[in-house]
PDB file of N, CA and C in Angstrom:
ATOM      1  N   MET A   1     127.987  86.347 228.356  1.00  0.00           N
ATOM      2  CA  MET A   1     127.275  86.827 226.620  1.00  0.00           C
ATOM      3  C   MET A   1     128.246  86.289 226.245  1.00  0.00           C
ATOM      4  N   MET A   2     128.446  85.876 224.835  1.00  0.00           N
ATOM      5  CA  MET A   2     129.322  85.683 223.874  1.00  0.00           C
ATOM      6  C   MET A   2     129.864  86.922 223.240  1.00  0.00           C
ATOM      7  N   LYS A   3     130.658  87.735 223.091  1.00  0.00           N
ATOM      8  CA  LYS A   3     130.518  88.638 221.666  1.00  0.00           C
ATOM      9  C   LYS A   3     130.977  88.328 220.487  1.00  0.00           C
ATOM     10  N   THR A   4     130.173  88.718 219.866  1.00  0.00           N
ATOM     11  CA  THR A   4     130.142  88.458 218.005  1.00  0.00           C
ATOM     12  C   THR A   4     130.636  89.517 217.251  1.00  0.00           C
ATOM     13  N   SER A   5     131.711  89.198 216.437  1.00  0.00           N
ATOM     14  CA  SER A   5     131.765  89.942 215.746  1.00  0.00           C
ATOM     15  C   SER A   5     131.918  89.486 214.015  1.00  0.00           C
ATOM     16  N   TYR A   6     131.500  90.750 213.073  1.00  0.00           N
ATOM     17  CA  TYR A   6     131.269  90.545 211.688  1.00  0.00           C
ATOM     18  C   TYR A   6     131.869  91.763 211.382  1.00  0.00           C
ATOM     19  N   PRO A   7     132.382  90.877 210.066  1.00  0.00           N
ATOM     20  CA  PRO A   7     133.200  91.448 208.856  1.00  0.00           C
ATOM     21  C   PRO A   7     133.010  92.747 208.290  1.00  0.00           C
ATOM     22  N   VAL A   8     133.860  93.730 208.516  1.00  0.00           N
ATOM     23  CA  VAL A   8     132.934  95.005 207.987  1.00  0.00           C
ATOM     24  C   VAL A   8     133.594  95.226 206.314  1.00  0.00           C
ATOM     25  N   TYR A   9     132.484  95.475 205.402  1.00  0.00           N
ATOM     26  CA  TYR A   9     132.890  95.351 203.703  1.00  0.00           C
ATOM     27  C   TYR A   9     133.529  96.814 203.751  1.00  0.00           C
ATOM     28  N   LYS A  10     134.346  96.976 203.482  1.00  0.00           N
ATOM     29  CA  LYS A  10     135.176  98.310 203.172  1.00  0.00           C
ATOM     30  C   LYS A  10     135.382  98.905 202.011  1.00  0.00           C
ATOM     31  N   GLY A  11     134.570  98.239 200.821  1.00  0.00           N
ATOM     32  CA  GLY A  11     134.586  98.528 199.133  1.00  0.00           C
ATOM     33  C   GLY A  11     133.613  98.923 199.206  1.00  0.00           C
ATOM     34  N   LEU A  12     132.667  99.911 199.942  1.00  0.00           N
ATOM     35  CA  LEU A  12     131.372 100.484 199.483  1.00  0.00           C
ATOM     36  C   LEU A  12     131.177 102.110 198.653  1.00  0.00           C
ATOM     37  N   GLN A  13     132.764 102.500 198.918  1.00  0.00           N
ATOM     38  CA  GLN A  13     132.766 103.512 198.096  1.00  0.00           C
ATOM     39  C   GLN A  13     133.788 103.472 196.954  1.00  0.00           C
ATOM     40  N   GLN A  14     133.744 102.202 196.703  1.00  0.00           N
ATOM     41  CA  GLN A  14     134.434 101.816 195.182  1.00  0.00           C
ATOM     42  C   GLN A  14     133.429 101.608 194.107  1.00  0.00           C
ATOM     43  N   PRO A  15     133.972 101.584 192.974  1.00  0.00           N
ATOM     44  CA  PRO A  15     133.027 101.333 192.022  1.00  0.00           C
ATOM     45  C   PRO A  15     132.847  99.979 191.671  1.00  0.00           C
ATOM     46  N   LEU A  16     131.400  99.847 191.209  1.00  0.00           N
ATOM     47  CA  LEU A  16     131.222  98.571 190.786  1.00  0.00           C
ATOM     48  C   LEU A  16     132.238  97.708 189.325  1.00  0.00           C
ATOM     49  N   VAL A  17     132.795  96.868 189.633  1.00  0.00           N
ATOM     50  CA  VAL A  17     133.770  96.131 188.471  1.00  0.00           C
ATOM     51  C   VAL A  17     133.317  95.149 188.128  1.00  0.00           C
ATOM     52  N   TYR A  18     133.499  94.689 186.819  1.00  0.00           N
ATOM     53  CA  TYR A  18     132.931  93.434 186.180  1.00  0.00           C
ATOM     54  C   TYR A  18     133.694  92.812 185.167  1.00  0.00           C
ATOM     55  N   ARG A  19     134.924  92.190 184.957  1.00  0.00           N
ATOM     56  CA  ARG A  19     135.500  91.733 183.951  1.00  0.00           C
ATOM     57  C   ARG A  19     136.010  92.680 183.399  1.00  0.00           C
ATOM     58  N   GLY A  20     136.853  93.991 184.071  1.00  0.00           N
ATOM     59  CA  GLY A  20     137.931  95.197 184.002  1.00  0.00           C
ATOM     60  C   GLY A  20     136.962  96.209 183.413  1.00  0.00           C
ATOM     61  N   PHE A  21     135.808  96.128 183.575  1.00  0.00           N
ATOM     62  CA  PHE A  21     135.144  97.109 183.368  1.00  0.00           C
ATOM     63  C   PHE A  21     134.380  97.802 184.631  1.00  0.00           C
ATOM     64  N   LYS A  22     134.386  99.135 184.676  1.00  0.00           N
ATOM     65  CA  LYS A  22     134.070  99.696 186.083  1.00  0.00           C
ATOM     66  C   LYS A  22     132.919 100.701 185.799  1.00  0.00           C
ATOM     67  N   GLY A  23     132.188 100.307 186.581  1.00  0.00           N
ATOM     68  CA  GLY A  23     130.645 101.718 186.979  1.00  0.00           C
ATOM     69  C   GLY A  23     130.006 101.521 185.495  1.00  0.00           C
ATOM     70  N   ARG A  24     129.682 102.766 185.118  1.00  0.00           N
ATOM     71  CA  ARG A  24     128.701 102.780 183.749  1.00  0.00           C
ATOM     72  C   ARG A  24     129.696 102.453 182.541  1.00  0.00           C
ATOM     73  N   PHE A  25     130.710 101.777 182.609  1.00  0.00           N
ATOM     74  CA  PHE A  25     131.137 101.521 181.068  1.00  0.00           C
ATOM     75  C   PHE A  25     130.601  99.652 181.295  1.00  0.00           C
ATOM     76  N   ILE A  26     130.207  99.198 182.351  1.00  0.00           N
ATOM     77  CA  ILE A  26     129.706  98.094 181.789  1.00  0.00           C
ATOM     78  C   ILE A  26     128.566  98.023 181.315  1.00  0.00           C
ATOM     79  N   ALA A  27     127.549  98.993 181.323  1.00  0.00           N
ATOM     80  CA  ALA A  27     126.235  99.262 180.610  1.00  0.00           C
ATOM     81  C   ALA A  27     126.681  99.381 179.242  1.00  0.00           C
ATOM     82  N   TRP A  28     128.243  99.644 178.863  1.00  0.00           N
ATOM     83  CA  TRP A  28     128.538 100.399 177.654  1.00  0.00           C
ATOM     84  C   TRP A  28     129.028  99.192 176.773  1.00  0.00           C
ATOM     85  N   GLY A  29     129.807  98.651 177.825  1.00  0.00           N
ATOM     86  CA  GLY A  29     130.123  96.692 177.261  1.00  0.00           C
ATOM     87  C   GLY A  29     128.701  96.310 176.983  1.00  0.00           C
ATOM     88  N   ILE A  30     127.821  96.083 177.913  1.00  0.00           N
ATOM     89  CA  ILE A  30     126.901  95.017 177.408  1.00  0.00           C
ATOM     90  C   ILE A  30     126.003  95.856 176.065  1.00  0.00           C
ATOM     91  N   ALA A  31     125.679  96.777 175.928  1.00  0.00           N
ATOM     92  CA  ALA A  31     125.248  97.673 174.653  1.00  0.00           C
ATOM     93  C   ALA A  31     125.395  97.346 173.663  1.00  0.00           C
ATOM     94  N   SER A  32     127.067  97.626 173.841  1.00  0.00           N
ATOM     95  CA  SER A  32     128.103  96.811 172.585  1.00  0.00           C
ATOM     96  C   SER A  32     127.647  95.556 171.955  1.00  0.00           C
ATOM     97  N   LEU A  33     127.499  94.686 172.983  1.00  0.00           N
ATOM     98  CA  LEU A  33     127.219  93.401 173.018  1.00  0.00           C
ATOM     99  C   LEU A  33     125.989  93.094 171.944  1.00  0.00           C
ATOM    100  N   VAL A  34     124.951  93.578 172.450  1.00  0.00           N
ATOM    101  CA  VAL A  34     123.746  93.706 172.027  1.00  0.00           C
ATOM    102  C   VAL A  34     123.910  94.281 170.655  1.00  0.00           C
ATOM    103  N   ILE A  35     124.474  95.304 170.541  1.00  0.00           N
ATOM    104  CA  ILE A  35     123.921  96.105 169.222  1.00  0.00           C
ATOM    105  C   ILE A  35     124.611  95.280 168.592  1.00  0.00           C
ATOM    106  N   GLY A  36     126.246  94.892 168.460  1.00  0.00           N
ATOM    107  CA  GLY A  36     126.845  94.043 167.638  1.00  0.00           C
ATOM    108  C   GLY A  36     126.113  92.492 167.427  1.00  0.00           C
ATOM    109  N   LEU A  37     125.479  91.707 168.096  1.00  0.00           N
ATOM    110  CA  LEU A  37     124.622  90.860 167.712  1.00  0.00           C
ATOM    111  C   LEU A  37     123.393  90.970 166.923  1.00  0.00           C
ATOM    112  N   VAL A  38     122.774  92.082 167.492  1.00  0.00           N
ATOM    113  CA  VAL A  38     121.407  92.430 166.685  1.00  0.00           C
ATOM    114  C   VAL A  38     121.724  93.129 165.281  1.00  0.00           C
ATOM    115  N   THR A  39     122.832  93.937 165.043  1.00  0.00           N
ATOM    116  CA  THR A  39     123.020  94.577 163.655  1.00  0.00           C
ATOM    117  C   THR A  39     124.028  93.425 162.705  1.00  0.00           C
ATOM    118  N   GLY A  40     124.528  92.260 163.515  1.00  0.00           N
ATOM    119  CA  GLY A  40     125.181  91.417 162.738  1.00  0.00           C
ATOM    120  C   GLY A  40     124.064  90.799 162.241  1.00  0.00           C
ATOM    121  N   GLY A  41     123.238  90.324 163.193  1.00  0.00           N
ATOM    122  CA  GLY A  41     121.912  89.408 162.816  1.00  0.00           C
ATOM    123  C   GLY A  41     120.937  89.482 161.775  1.00  0.00           C
ATOM    124  N   LEU A  42     120.615  90.740 161.690  1.00  0.00           N
ATOM    125  CA  LEU A  42     119.946  91.405 160.731  1.00  0.00           C
ATOM    126  C   LEU A  42     120.604  91.422 159.388  1.00  0.00           C
ATOM    127  N   ILE A  43     122.021  91.940 159.265  1.00  0.00           N
ATOM    128  CA  ILE A  43     122.599  91.597 158.076  1.00  0.00           C
ATOM    129  C   ILE A  43     122.645  90.584 157.962  1.00  0.00           C
ATOM    130  N   GLY A  44     123.365  89.656 158.679  1.00  0.00           N
ATOM    131  CA  GLY A  44     123.561  88.087 158.292  1.00  0.00           C
ATOM    132  C   GLY A  44     121.928  88.108 157.154  1.00  0.00           C
ATOM    133  N   THR A  45     120.607  88.134 158.091  1.00  0.00           N
ATOM    134  CA  THR A  45     119.702  87.503 157.267  1.00  0.00           C
ATOM    135  C   THR A  45     119.173  88.085 156.006  1.00  0.00           C
ATOM    136  N   LEU A  46     119.441  89.482 155.994  1.00  0.00           N
ATOM    137  CA  LEU A  46     119.401  90.551 154.763  1.00  0.00           C
ATOM    138  C   LEU A  46     120.466  90.154 153.485  1.00  0.00           C
ATOM    139  N   THR A  47     121.873  89.617 153.753  1.00  0.00           N
ATOM    140  CA  THR A  47     122.802  89.549 153.051  1.00  0.00           C
ATOM    141  C   THR A  47     123.287  87.671 153.189  1.00  0.00           C
ATOM    142  N   SER A  48     124.730  87.873 153.627  1.00  0.00           N
ATOM    143  CA  SER A  48     125.017  86.633 153.270  1.00  0.00           C
ATOM    144  C   SER A  48     125.271  86.197 155.094  1.00  0.00           C
ATOM    145  N   MET A  49     125.119  84.757 155.504  1.00  0.00           N
ATOM    146  CA  MET A  49     125.790  84.399 156.926  1.00  0.00           C
ATOM    147  C   MET A  49     127.149  84.472 157.254  1.00  0.00           C
ATOM    148  N   TYR A  50     127.973  84.724 156.132  1.00  0.00           N
ATOM    149  CA  TYR A  50     129.074  84.715 156.396  1.00  0.00           C
ATOM    150  C   TYR A  50     129.566  86.214 156.871  1.00  0.00           C
ATOM    151  N   PHE A  51     129.044  87.387 156.024  1.00  0.00           N
ATOM    152  CA  PHE A  51     129.026  88.710 155.886  1.00  0.00           C
ATOM    153  C   PHE A  51     128.193  89.045 157.379  1.00  0.00           C
ATOM    154  N   GLY A  52     127.731  88.754 157.832  1.00  0.00           N
ATOM    155  CA  GLY A  52     126.445  88.838 158.739  1.00  0.00           C
ATOM    156  C   GLY A  52     127.521  88.440 159.911  1.00  0.00           C
ATOM    157  N   GLY A  53     128.310  87.539 160.242  1.00  0.00           N
ATOM    158  CA  GLY A  53     128.958  86.800 161.196  1.00  0.00           C
ATOM    159  C   GLY A  53     130.692  87.443 161.534  1.00  0.00           C
ATOM    160  N   PHE A  54     131.033  88.024 160.510  1.00  0.00           N
ATOM    161  CA  PHE A  54     132.201  88.861 160.278  1.00  0.00           C
ATOM    162  C   PHE A  54     131.482  90.260 160.781  1.00  0.00           C
ATOM    163  N   LEU A  55     130.560  90.763 160.514  1.00  0.00           N
ATOM    164  CA  LEU A  55     130.044  92.116 161.326  1.00  0.00           C
ATOM    165  C   LEU A  55     130.011  92.064 162.252  1.00  0.00           C
ATOM    166  N   THR A  56     129.486  90.860 162.835  1.00  0.00           N
ATOM    167  CA  THR A  56     128.854  90.526 164.515  1.00  0.00           C
ATOM    168  C   THR A  56     130.448  90.951 165.239  1.00  0.00           C
ATOM    169  N   ILE A  57     131.287  90.383 164.724  1.00  0.00           N
ATOM    170  CA  ILE A  57     132.861  90.111 165.433  1.00  0.00           C
ATOM    171  C   ILE A  57     133.234  91.059 165.690  1.00  0.00           C
ATOM    172  N   LEU A  58     133.455  92.204 164.353  1.00  0.00           N
ATOM    173  CA  LEU A  58     133.913  92.791 163.783  1.00  0.00           C
ATOM    174  C   LEU A  58     133.057  94.436 165.042  1.00  0.00           C
ATOM    175  N   LEU A  59     131.907  94.072 164.838  1.00  0.00           N
ATOM    176  CA  LEU A  59     131.164  95.515 166.142  1.00  0.00           C
ATOM    177  C   LEU A  59     131.423  95.202 167.723  1.00  0.00           C
ATOM    178  N   ILE A  60     131.478  93.914 167.583  1.00  0.00           N
ATOM    179  CA  ILE A  60     131.378  93.559 168.983  1.00  0.00           C
ATOM    180  C   ILE A  60     133.198  94.198 169.549  1.00  0.00           C
ATOM    181  N   VAL A  61     133.680  93.663 168.783  1.00  0.00           N
ATOM    182  CA  VAL A  61     135.211  93.881 169.504  1.00  0.00           C
ATOM    183  C   VAL A  61     135.956  95.456 169.387  1.00  0.00           C
ATOM    184  N   GLY A  62     135.125  96.367 168.151  1.00  0.00           N
ATOM    185  CA  GLY A  62     135.389  97.525 168.031  1.00  0.00           C
ATOM    186  C   GLY A  62     134.422  98.463 169.006  1.00  0.00           C
ATOM    187  N   GLY A  63     133.358  97.830 169.579  1.00  0.00           N
ATOM    188  CA  GLY A  63     132.488  98.429 170.602  1.00  0.00           C
ATOM    189  C   GLY A  63     133.544  98.400 172.098  1.00  0.00           C
ATOM    190  N   LEU A  64     133.776  97.003 172.508  1.00  0.00           N
ATOM    191  CA  LEU A  64     134.469  96.560 173.480  1.00  0.00           C
ATOM    192  C   LEU A  64     135.574  97.450 174.018  1.00  0.00           C
ATOM    193  N   GLY A  65     136.113  97.371 172.105  1.00  0.00           N
ATOM    194  CA  GLY A  65     137.789  98.226 172.229  1.00  0.00           C
ATOM    195  C   GLY A  65     137.659  99.908 172.585  1.00  0.00           C
ATOM    196  N   LEU A  66     136.199 100.300 172.102  1.00  0.00           N
ATOM    197  CA  LEU A  66     135.958 102.002 172.385  1.00  0.00           C
ATOM    198  C   LEU A  66     135.495 102.111 173.785  1.00  0.00           C
ATOM    199  N   THR A  67     135.450 100.813 174.615  1.00  0.00           N
ATOM    200  CA  THR A  67     134.973 101.130 175.682  1.00  0.00           C
ATOM    201  C   THR A  67     135.655 101.351 176.797  1.00  0.00           C
ATOM    202  N   PHE A  68     136.653 100.275 176.504  1.00  0.00           N
ATOM    203  CA  PHE A  68     138.287 100.749 177.171  1.00  0.00           C
ATOM    204  C   PHE A  68     138.640 101.648 177.212  1.00  0.00           C
ATOM    205  N   GLN A  69     139.180 102.251 175.498  1.00  0.00           N
ATOM    206  CA  GLN A  69     139.474 103.340 175.539  1.00  0.00           C
ATOM    207  C   GLN A  69     139.054 104.591 176.295  1.00  0.00           C
ATOM    208  N   ARG A  70     137.706 104.835 176.111  1.00  0.00           N
ATOM    209  CA  ARG A  70     137.230 105.628 176.786  1.00  0.00           C
ATOM    210  C   ARG A  70     137.327 105.016 177.994  1.00  0.00           C
ATOM    211  N   GLN A  71     137.408 104.506 179.012  1.00  0.00           N
ATOM    212  CA  GLN A  71     137.337 104.279 180.250  1.00  0.00           C
ATOM    213  C   GLN A  71     138.315 104.447 180.954  1.00  0.00           C
ATOM    214  N   LYS A  72     139.430 104.646 180.034  1.00  0.00           N
ATOM    215  CA  LYS A  72     141.148 105.236 180.495  1.00  0.00           C
ATOM    216  C   LYS A  72     140.780 106.904 180.946  1.00  0.00           C
ATOM    217  N   ALA A  73     140.242 107.268 180.379  1.00  0.00           N
ATOM    218  CA  ALA A  73     140.354 108.640 180.712  1.00  0.00           C
ATOM    219  C   ALA A  73     139.320 108.864 181.679  1.00  0.00           C
ATOM    220  N   GLY A  74     138.660 108.254 182.328  1.00  0.00           N
ATOM    221  CA  GLY A  74     138.086 108.079 183.617  1.00  0.00           C
ATOM    222  C   GLY A  74     136.607 107.921 183.788  1.00  0.00           C
ATOM    223  N   LEU A  75     136.212 107.437 184.831  1.00  0.00           N
ATOM    224  CA  LEU A  75     134.757 107.108 185.369  1.00  0.00           C
ATOM    225  C   LEU A  75     133.873 108.524 184.957  1.00  0.00           C
ATOM    226  N   TYR A  76     134.007 109.586 184.845  1.00  0.00           N
ATOM    227  CA  TYR A  76     133.319 110.404 184.914  1.00  0.00           C
ATOM    228  C   TYR A  76     133.963 111.524 183.615  1.00  0.00           C
ATOM    229  N   ALA A  77     132.906 111.982 182.795  1.00  0.00           N
ATOM    230  CA  ALA A  77     133.739 112.795 181.487  1.00  0.00           C
ATOM    231  C   ALA A  77     133.734 113.967 181.970  1.00  0.00           C
ATOM    232  N   LYS A  78     135.317 114.529 181.960  1.00  0.00           N
ATOM    233  CA  LYS A  78     135.302 116.121 182.267  1.00  0.00           C
ATOM    234  C   LYS A  78     136.215 116.892 181.797  1.00  0.00           C
ATOM    235  N   SER A  79     135.621 117.903 181.332  1.00  0.00           N
ATOM    236  CA  SER A  79     136.449 118.907 180.119  1.00  0.00           C
ATOM    237  C   SER A  79     137.662 119.231 180.805  1.00  0.00           C
ATOM    238  N   ARG A  80     138.587 119.379 179.602  1.00  0.00           N
ATOM    239  CA  ARG A  80     140.286 119.638 179.953  1.00  0.00           C
ATOM    240  C   ARG A  80     140.610 120.890 179.527  1.00  0.00           C
ATOM    241  N   ALA A  81     139.686 121.954 179.690  1.00  0.00           N
ATOM    242  CA  ALA A  81     139.622 123.041 178.837  1.00  0.00           C
ATOM    243  C   ALA A  81     141.334 123.957 179.521  1.00  0.00           C
ATOM    244  N   THR A  82     141.668 124.653 179.250  1.00  0.00           N
ATOM    245  CA  THR A  82     142.966 125.399 180.149  1.00  0.00           C
ATOM    246  C   THR A  82     142.604 126.590 179.754  1.00  0.00           C
ATOM    247  N   GLY A  83     142.963 127.696 180.378  1.00  0.00           N
ATOM    248  CA  GLY A  83     142.853 129.316 180.199  1.00  0.00           C
ATOM    249  C   GLY A  83     142.232 129.846 181.474  1.00  0.00           C
ATOM    250  N   VAL A  84     141.992 131.272 180.960  1.00  0.00           N
ATOM    251  CA  VAL A  84     140.995 131.853 181.724  1.00  0.00           C
ATOM    252  C   VAL A  84     139.923 132.529 181.262  1.00  0.00           C
ATOM    253  N   PHE A  85     139.256 132.219 182.023  1.00  0.00           N
ATOM    254  CA  PHE A  85     137.635 132.599 181.590  1.00  0.00           C
ATOM    255  C   PHE A  85     137.102 133.274 182.641  1.00  0.00           C
ATOM    256  N   ILE A  86     136.390 134.695 181.638  1.00  0.00           N
ATOM    257  CA  ILE A  86     135.689 135.651 182.542  1.00  0.00           C
ATOM    258  C   ILE A  86     134.397 135.409 182.231  1.00  0.00           C
ATOM    259  N   HIS A  87     133.601 135.711 183.234  1.00  0.00           N
ATOM    260  CA  HIS A  87     132.145 135.571 182.615  1.00  0.00           C
ATOM    261  C   HIS A  87     131.901 137.065 183.354  1.00  0.00           C
ATOM    262  N   PRO A  88     130.777 137.642 182.189  1.00  0.00           N
ATOM    263  CA  PRO A  88     130.519 139.067 182.537  1.00  0.00           C
ATOM    264  C   PRO A  88     129.382 139.143 183.820  1.00  0.00           C
ATOM    265  N   VAL A  89     129.058 139.811 184.408  1.00  0.00           N
ATOM    266  CA  VAL A  89     128.256 140.233 184.958  1.00  0.00           C
ATOM    267  C   VAL A  89     126.907 140.683 184.140  1.00  0.00           C
ATOM    268  N   LYS A  90     125.836 140.389 184.161  1.00  0.00           N
ATOM    269  CA  LYS A  90     124.950 140.827 183.808  1.00  0.00           C
ATOM    270  C   LYS A  90     123.052 141.275 184.698  1.00  0.00           C
ATOM    271  N   LEU A  91     123.776 142.343 185.665  1.00  0.00           N
ATOM    272  CA  LEU A  91     122.893 142.630 186.488  1.00  0.00           C
ATOM    273  C   LEU A  91     122.026 143.874 185.685  1.00  0.00           C
ATOM    274  N   LYS A  92     120.416 144.139 185.486  1.00  0.00           N
ATOM    275  CA  LYS A  92     119.845 144.548 185.691  1.00  0.00           C
ATOM    276  C   LYS A  92     119.560 145.662 186.659  1.00  0.00           C
ATOM    277  N   LEU A  93     119.253 146.550 186.591  1.00  0.00           N
ATOM    278  CA  LEU A  93     118.969 147.647 187.694  1.00  0.00           C
ATOM    279  C   LEU A  93     117.645 147.924 187.463  1.00  0.00           C
ATOM    280  N   ARG A  94     116.663 148.089 188.707  1.00  0.00           N
ATOM    281  CA  ARG A  94     115.502 148.420 188.549  1.00  0.00           C
ATOM    282  C   ARG A  94     115.388 149.817 187.860  1.00  0.00           C
ATOM    283  N   TYR A  95     113.805 150.431 187.240  1.00  0.00           N
ATOM    284  CA  TYR A  95     113.967 151.198 186.749  1.00  0.00           C
ATOM    285  C   TYR A  95     113.857 152.539 188.033  1.00  0.00           C
ATOM    286  N   GLY A  96     114.349 153.558 187.953  1.00  0.00           N
ATOM    287  CA  GLY A  96     114.771 154.404 189.050  1.00  0.00           C
ATOM    288  C   GLY A  96     115.640 154.382 190.126  1.00  0.00           C
ATOM    289  N   GLN A  97     116.412 153.266 190.000  1.00  0.00           N
ATOM    290  CA  GLN A  97     117.513 152.918 190.832  1.00  0.00           C
ATOM    291  C   GLN A  97     118.776 153.932 190.159  1.00  0.00           C
ATOM    292  N   GLN A  98     119.570 153.533 191.224  1.00  0.00           N
ATOM    293  CA  GLN A  98     120.863 154.335 190.988  1.00  0.00           C
ATOM    294  C   GLN A  98     121.861 153.600 191.356  1.00  0.00           C
ATOM    295  N   PRO A  99     123.028 153.199 190.669  1.00  0.00           N
ATOM    296  CA  PRO A  99     123.795 152.301 190.985  1.00  0.00           C
ATOM    297  C   PRO A  99     124.837 153.019 192.121  1.00  0.00           C
ATOM    298  N   GLN A 100     125.140 151.943 192.736  1.00  0.00           N
ATOM    299  CA  GLN A 100     125.799 152.623 194.127  1.00  0.00           C
ATOM    300  C   GLN A 100     127.302 152.721 193.487  1.00  0.00           C
ATOM    301  N   LYS A 101     127.576 153.953 194.247  1.00  0.00           N
ATOM    302  CA  LYS A 101     129.388 154.154 194.176  1.00  0.00           C
ATOM    303  C   LYS A 101     129.871 153.585 195.132  1.00  0.00           C
ATOM    304  N   LYS A 102     131.081 153.406 195.088  1.00  0.00           N
ATOM    305  CA  LYS A 102     132.164 152.946 195.696  1.00  0.00           C
ATOM    306  C   LYS A 102     133.208 153.466 195.999  1.00  0.00           C
ATOM    307  N   GLY A 103     134.202 153.569 197.221  1.00  0.00           N
ATOM    308  CA  GLY A 103     134.760 154.227 197.923  1.00  0.00           C
ATOM    309  C   GLY A 103     134.679 155.753 198.173  1.00  0.00           C
ATOM    310  N   ILE A 104     133.466 155.999 198.560  1.00  0.00           N
ATOM    311  CA  ILE A 104     133.590 157.291 199.716  1.00  0.00           C
ATOM    312  C   ILE A 104     132.920 156.684 200.535  1.00  0.00           C
TER     313      ILE A 104
END
């Protein structure tokens, strides 16, 4: 019998990448394209074709620029808060129950 080997795809844990956009930012890029086209088309039909075309280009470039900017911060939204956080304990004792004493 002949031994057959198959290549193993090593990129299974990598985020999906399309034209520089990674993961969820692919959807953000598509949304900015669609919103720019629809808004520019509506404004173009209501006012002027040239103003609608200019607004279309402006919205698409602005949306894709914002998407690239947000992508630089990382794939997941993380809070960057610094400091000491104290979480108060809010436990209630049942009626008639005595608090337990420590150290005896």
